[in-house]
Amino acid sequence: MSALTVEQQAELLALTKSVDSVELKLSVADDEHYSTATALGLDPIEAEIRQVFFFDTADLDLDGTGVVVRARRIQGGEADSVVKLRPVVPEELSDDLRKSESSKVEVDIMPGKFVCSASLKGKSDPDDVMRAISGKRDIEALFSKEQRAFFESNAPKGVSMNELAALGPILTLKQKFLVKALQRELVAELWFYPDHTRILELSTKCDPDETFQAMAEVKSYLSEKGVDLDSKQRTKTKTALDYFAKRRN
């Protein structure tokens, strides 16, 4: 796993003092999905099935400004939505946003890099998601008033939520499992893209004040399991948006 530079470590340490949570992420090399799943004891039968939809313009104007709009249908009759902005500087966010029970300011840490984001999450209905995707319901109906306001304050001028294109679906499998050696829960997410490519991402969340300890412990554990920590990293959202943008053009 690519080490952070001294400057990055100092920046990250300062950042953890201002965020709500930290998530460590690692995408597994394509040719090591099976061996990694076997080494970690992953069982697809125990995974939760999800269907992910993104919303953006044909030219990915939202992505270009760091705004992510997503809806998700979840096995068991649930659905949720999120509006996210990244990167952000926590100190520059409004007090109203930081105090909201729906908001989260989080640092995602990947090999050699990290990014801070602010998001507002809401609940939805799986049938409403499909109605919005098919054009039978306004997209903005999937999002709360608070989420819509956050979108409007950060989206490019002139971009309306109801005019966004639905990009998806992407089928995903998510499995949480407790690692006794770490006394920590890890998450494995396998994303199946329409062009038959896949991303297997391993992640875990930790409190900001235990960031560096968690990084060291997880790195050691995955190394012992034979997981390649130096593979080229791909992010789930960017891969999805790039695929659908090429398809539309």
Protein backbone atom coordinates (compact mmCIF):
# COMPACT_ATOMS: atom_id res chain seq x y z
CA MET A 1 0.00 0.00 0.00
CA SER A 2 1.56 3.24 -1.12
CA ALA A 3 2.65 5.20 1.92
CA LEU A 4 1.55 8.75 2.46
CA THR A 5 4.30 11.34 2.32
CA VAL A 6 5.27 13.23 5.45
CA GLU A 7 3.38 16.25 4.15
CA GLN A 8 0.29 14.13 3.45
CA GLN A 9 0.42 12.60 6.91
CA ALA A 10 0.54 16.04 8.50
CA GLU A 11 -2.37 17.23 6.37
CA LEU A 12 -4.37 14.11 7.18
CA LEU A 13 -3.71 14.45 10.90
CA ALA A 14 -5.04 18.01 10.85
CA LEU A 15 -8.02 16.95 8.77
CA THR A 16 -9.06 14.17 11.16
CA LYS A 17 -9.60 16.76 13.87
CA SER A 18 -12.45 18.31 11.86
CA VAL A 19 -14.36 15.35 10.39
CA ASP A 20 -17.07 13.00 11.63
CA SER A 21 -15.57 9.74 10.40
CA VAL A 22 -12.82 8.10 8.38
CA GLU A 23 -13.09 5.29 5.84
CA LEU A 24 -10.13 3.24 4.65
CA LYS A 25 -10.52 1.85 1.13
CA LEU A 26 -8.61 -0.51 -1.14
CA SER A 27 -9.63 -1.77 -4.59
CA VAL A 28 -8.32 -5.27 -5.29
CA ALA A 29 -6.47 -6.11 -8.52
CA ASP A 30 -8.78 -7.67 -11.12
CA ASP A 31 -6.93 -10.97 -11.26
CA GLU A 32 -6.98 -11.33 -7.48
CA HIS A 33 -10.71 -11.11 -6.81
CA TYR A 34 -11.15 -14.85 -6.30
CA SER A 35 -8.02 -15.37 -4.25
CA THR A 36 -8.86 -12.40 -2.04
CA ALA A 37 -12.44 -13.55 -1.52
CA THR A 38 -11.17 -17.00 -0.59
CA ALA A 39 -8.50 -15.67 1.78
CA LEU A 40 -11.02 -13.47 3.59
CA GLY A 41 -13.74 -16.13 3.68
CA LEU A 42 -16.25 -14.08 1.70
CA ASP A 43 -19.51 -15.80 0.81
CA PRO A 44 -21.68 -14.20 -1.92
CA ILE A 45 -24.76 -15.92 -0.49
CA GLU A 46 -24.42 -13.71 2.58
CA ALA A 47 -24.04 -10.51 0.56
CA GLU A 48 -26.68 -7.81 0.28
CA ILE A 49 -27.82 -7.06 -3.27
CA ARG A 50 -28.00 -3.42 -4.27
CA GLN A 51 -28.87 -1.50 -7.43
CA VAL A 52 -27.12 1.84 -7.87
CA PHE A 53 -28.13 4.77 -10.06
CA PHE A 54 -26.18 7.98 -10.56
CA PHE A 55 -27.52 11.24 -11.95
CA ASP A 56 -25.47 13.70 -14.00
CA THR A 57 -25.49 15.63 -17.26
CA ALA A 58 -24.36 14.05 -20.52
CA ASP A 59 -21.06 15.91 -20.16
CA LEU A 60 -20.65 14.97 -16.47
CA ASP A 61 -20.88 18.59 -15.36
CA LEU A 62 -21.62 17.53 -11.79
CA ASP A 63 -18.64 15.21 -11.67
CA GLY A 64 -16.48 18.04 -12.98
CA THR A 65 -17.42 20.18 -9.99
CA GLY A 66 -17.21 17.41 -7.41
CA VAL A 67 -20.95 16.87 -6.95
CA VAL A 68 -22.30 13.32 -6.78
CA VAL A 69 -26.02 12.54 -6.91
CA ARG A 70 -27.02 8.92 -6.30
CA ALA A 71 -30.04 6.76 -5.55
CA ARG A 72 -29.86 3.16 -4.45
CA ARG A 73 -32.35 0.28 -4.22
CA ILE A 74 -31.48 -2.23 -1.51
CA GLN A 75 -32.48 -5.84 -1.06
CA GLY A 76 -35.35 -6.15 1.40
CA GLY A 77 -37.49 -3.27 0.12
CA GLU A 78 -35.38 -0.28 1.12
CA ALA A 79 -33.86 2.60 -0.84
CA ASP A 80 -31.77 5.64 -0.08
CA SER A 81 -30.37 8.73 -1.76
CA VAL A 82 -27.33 10.92 -1.30
CA VAL A 83 -25.96 14.24 -2.49
CA LYS A 84 -22.23 14.51 -1.96
CA LEU A 85 -19.59 17.18 -2.52
CA ARG A 86 -15.85 16.54 -2.69
CA PRO A 87 -13.29 17.70 -1.99
CA VAL A 88 -14.30 19.99 0.85
CA VAL A 89 -12.59 21.93 3.61
CA PRO A 90 -14.53 21.15 6.82
CA GLU A 91 -13.99 24.60 8.28
CA GLU A 92 -15.63 26.19 5.24
CA LEU A 93 -18.88 24.22 5.57
CA SER A 94 -21.92 25.95 7.04
CA ASP A 95 -22.94 25.42 10.64
CA ASP A 96 -26.37 24.27 9.48
CA LEU A 97 -24.83 21.51 7.41
CA ARG A 98 -22.54 20.33 10.19
CA LYS A 99 -25.41 20.25 12.67
CA SER A 100 -27.77 18.33 10.39
CA GLU A 101 -28.52 14.77 11.48
CA SER A 102 -28.45 13.77 7.80
CA SER A 103 -24.98 15.11 7.10
CA LYS A 104 -21.59 13.44 7.28
CA VAL A 105 -18.15 14.90 6.74
CA GLU A 106 -15.76 12.05 6.05
CA VAL A 107 -12.24 11.37 4.85
CA ASP A 108 -11.77 8.51 2.40
CA ILE A 109 -8.23 7.17 2.53
CA MET A 110 -6.82 5.10 -0.34
CA PRO A 111 -3.27 3.98 -1.03
CA GLY A 112 -1.19 7.13 -1.37
CA LYS A 113 -4.05 9.62 -1.28
CA PHE A 114 -7.15 10.80 0.54
CA VAL A 115 -10.12 13.08 -0.04
CA CYS A 116 -12.59 14.79 2.28
CA SER A 117 -16.28 14.88 1.39
CA ALA A 118 -19.53 16.25 2.76
CA SER A 119 -22.78 14.43 2.12
CA LEU A 120 -26.46 14.50 2.94
CA LYS A 121 -28.21 11.14 2.99
CA GLY A 122 -31.92 10.45 2.87
CA LYS A 123 -34.37 7.58 2.68
CA SER A 124 -36.44 6.81 -0.38
CA ASP A 125 -38.74 4.16 -1.77
CA PRO A 126 -37.48 1.53 -4.25
CA ASP A 127 -40.57 1.89 -6.44
CA ASP A 128 -40.16 5.69 -6.51
CA VAL A 129 -36.57 5.22 -7.66
CA MET A 130 -37.73 3.14 -10.62
CA ARG A 131 -40.46 5.67 -11.44
CA ALA A 132 -37.87 8.46 -11.51
CA ILE A 133 -35.56 6.39 -13.68
CA SER A 134 -38.35 5.74 -16.17
CA GLY A 135 -39.39 9.40 -16.23
CA LYS A 136 -42.70 8.83 -14.45
CA ARG A 137 -41.63 10.83 -11.41
CA ASP A 138 -39.40 13.87 -10.92
CA ILE A 139 -35.85 13.04 -9.91
CA GLU A 140 -35.95 15.66 -7.18
CA ALA A 141 -38.80 13.74 -5.52
CA LEU A 142 -36.20 11.17 -4.41
CA PHE A 143 -34.38 13.81 -2.37
CA SER A 144 -35.30 15.78 0.72
CA LYS A 145 -35.67 19.55 0.78
CA GLU A 146 -32.33 19.71 2.60
CA GLN A 147 -30.61 17.58 -0.04
CA ARG A 148 -32.06 19.65 -2.88
CA ALA A 149 -30.84 22.87 -1.27
CA PHE A 150 -27.36 21.38 -0.87
CA PHE A 151 -27.41 20.38 -4.54
CA GLU A 152 -28.54 23.81 -5.72
CA SER A 153 -25.82 25.57 -3.73
CA ASN A 154 -23.05 23.43 -5.22
CA ALA A 155 -24.16 22.33 -8.70
CA PRO A 156 -23.02 24.30 -11.76
CA LYS A 157 -25.19 27.29 -12.58
CA GLY A 158 -28.16 26.37 -14.72
CA VAL A 159 -28.08 22.64 -13.95
CA SER A 160 -31.44 21.45 -12.66
CA MET A 161 -31.87 18.20 -10.75
CA ASN A 162 -34.90 17.19 -12.83
CA GLU A 163 -32.92 17.63 -16.05
CA LEU A 164 -30.21 15.18 -15.04
CA ALA A 165 -29.79 11.89 -16.87
CA ALA A 166 -30.10 8.62 -14.98
CA LEU A 167 -26.93 6.57 -15.26
CA GLY A 168 -27.39 2.95 -14.33
CA PRO A 169 -28.23 0.57 -12.96
CA ILE A 170 -25.12 -1.02 -11.56
CA LEU A 171 -25.57 -4.25 -9.63
CA THR A 172 -23.52 -4.54 -6.45
CA LEU A 173 -22.97 -7.11 -3.71
CA LYS A 174 -22.05 -5.90 -0.24
CA GLN A 175 -20.90 -8.10 2.62
CA LYS A 176 -19.88 -7.01 6.11
CA PHE A 177 -17.75 -9.33 8.20
CA LEU A 178 -16.06 -9.11 11.57
CA VAL A 179 -12.32 -9.70 11.67
CA LYS A 180 -11.64 -11.02 15.14
CA ALA A 181 -7.90 -10.41 14.85
CA LEU A 182 -8.64 -6.70 14.37
CA GLN A 183 -11.83 -6.51 16.41
CA ARG A 184 -13.04 -4.49 13.48
CA GLU A 185 -15.72 -4.89 10.84
CA LEU A 186 -14.57 -4.93 7.23
CA VAL A 187 -16.79 -4.47 4.19
CA ALA A 188 -16.39 -6.07 0.78
CA GLU A 189 -18.24 -4.53 -2.16
CA LEU A 190 -18.27 -6.08 -5.61
CA TRP A 191 -19.57 -3.83 -8.38
CA PHE A 192 -20.63 -5.37 -11.70
CA TYR A 193 -20.45 -2.87 -14.57
CA PRO A 194 -22.43 -3.31 -17.81
CA ASP A 195 -19.24 -3.83 -19.85
CA HIS A 196 -18.50 -6.89 -17.67
CA THR A 197 -15.69 -5.24 -15.72
CA ARG A 198 -15.77 -5.47 -11.95
CA ILE A 199 -14.38 -3.63 -8.95
CA LEU A 200 -13.85 -5.39 -5.63
CA GLU A 201 -13.34 -2.86 -2.87
CA LEU A 202 -12.42 -3.58 0.73
CA SER A 203 -13.13 -0.92 3.32
CA THR A 204 -13.55 -0.20 7.00
CA LYS A 205 -14.63 2.81 9.00
CA CYS A 206 -12.88 4.14 12.07
CA ASP A 207 -13.04 7.05 14.46
CA PRO A 208 -10.91 10.00 13.35
CA ASP A 209 -8.65 9.75 16.40
CA GLU A 210 -7.69 6.15 15.57
CA THR A 211 -6.96 6.72 11.88
CA PHE A 212 -3.25 5.92 11.83
CA GLN A 213 -3.59 2.93 14.13
CA ALA A 214 -6.39 1.51 12.00
CA MET A 215 -4.36 2.05 8.83
CA ALA A 216 -1.40 0.13 10.24
CA GLU A 217 -3.52 -2.73 11.60
CA VAL A 218 -5.59 -3.20 8.44
CA LYS A 219 -2.50 -3.01 6.24
CA SER A 220 -0.80 -5.71 8.30
CA TYR A 221 -3.87 -7.94 8.27
CA LEU A 222 -4.42 -7.73 4.51
CA SER A 223 -0.73 -8.32 3.84
CA GLU A 224 -0.86 -11.50 5.92
CA LYS A 225 -3.83 -12.63 3.85
CA GLY A 226 -1.85 -12.13 0.66
CA VAL A 227 -3.79 -9.14 -0.63
CA ASP A 228 -1.75 -6.96 -3.02
CA LEU A 229 -1.66 -3.52 -1.45
CA ASP A 230 0.15 -1.88 -4.37
CA SER A 231 -2.34 -2.59 -7.16
CA LYS A 232 -3.66 0.23 -9.32
CA GLN A 233 -6.60 1.85 -7.58
CA ARG A 234 -9.98 2.50 -9.18
CA THR A 235 -12.91 4.26 -7.56
CA LYS A 236 -16.41 2.85 -7.94
CA THR A 237 -18.20 6.12 -8.70
CA LYS A 238 -15.71 7.51 -11.22
CA THR A 239 -15.59 4.21 -13.10
CA ALA A 240 -19.38 4.18 -13.33
CA LEU A 241 -19.69 7.78 -14.50
CA ASP A 242 -16.97 7.37 -17.12
CA TYR A 243 -18.62 4.24 -18.51
CA PHE A 244 -22.06 5.79 -18.87
CA ALA A 245 -20.68 9.05 -20.28
CA LYS A 246 -18.88 7.15 -23.07
CA ARG A 247 -21.99 5.13 -23.77
CA ARG A 248 -24.18 8.22 -24.10
CA ASN A 249 -21.67 9.94 -26.40
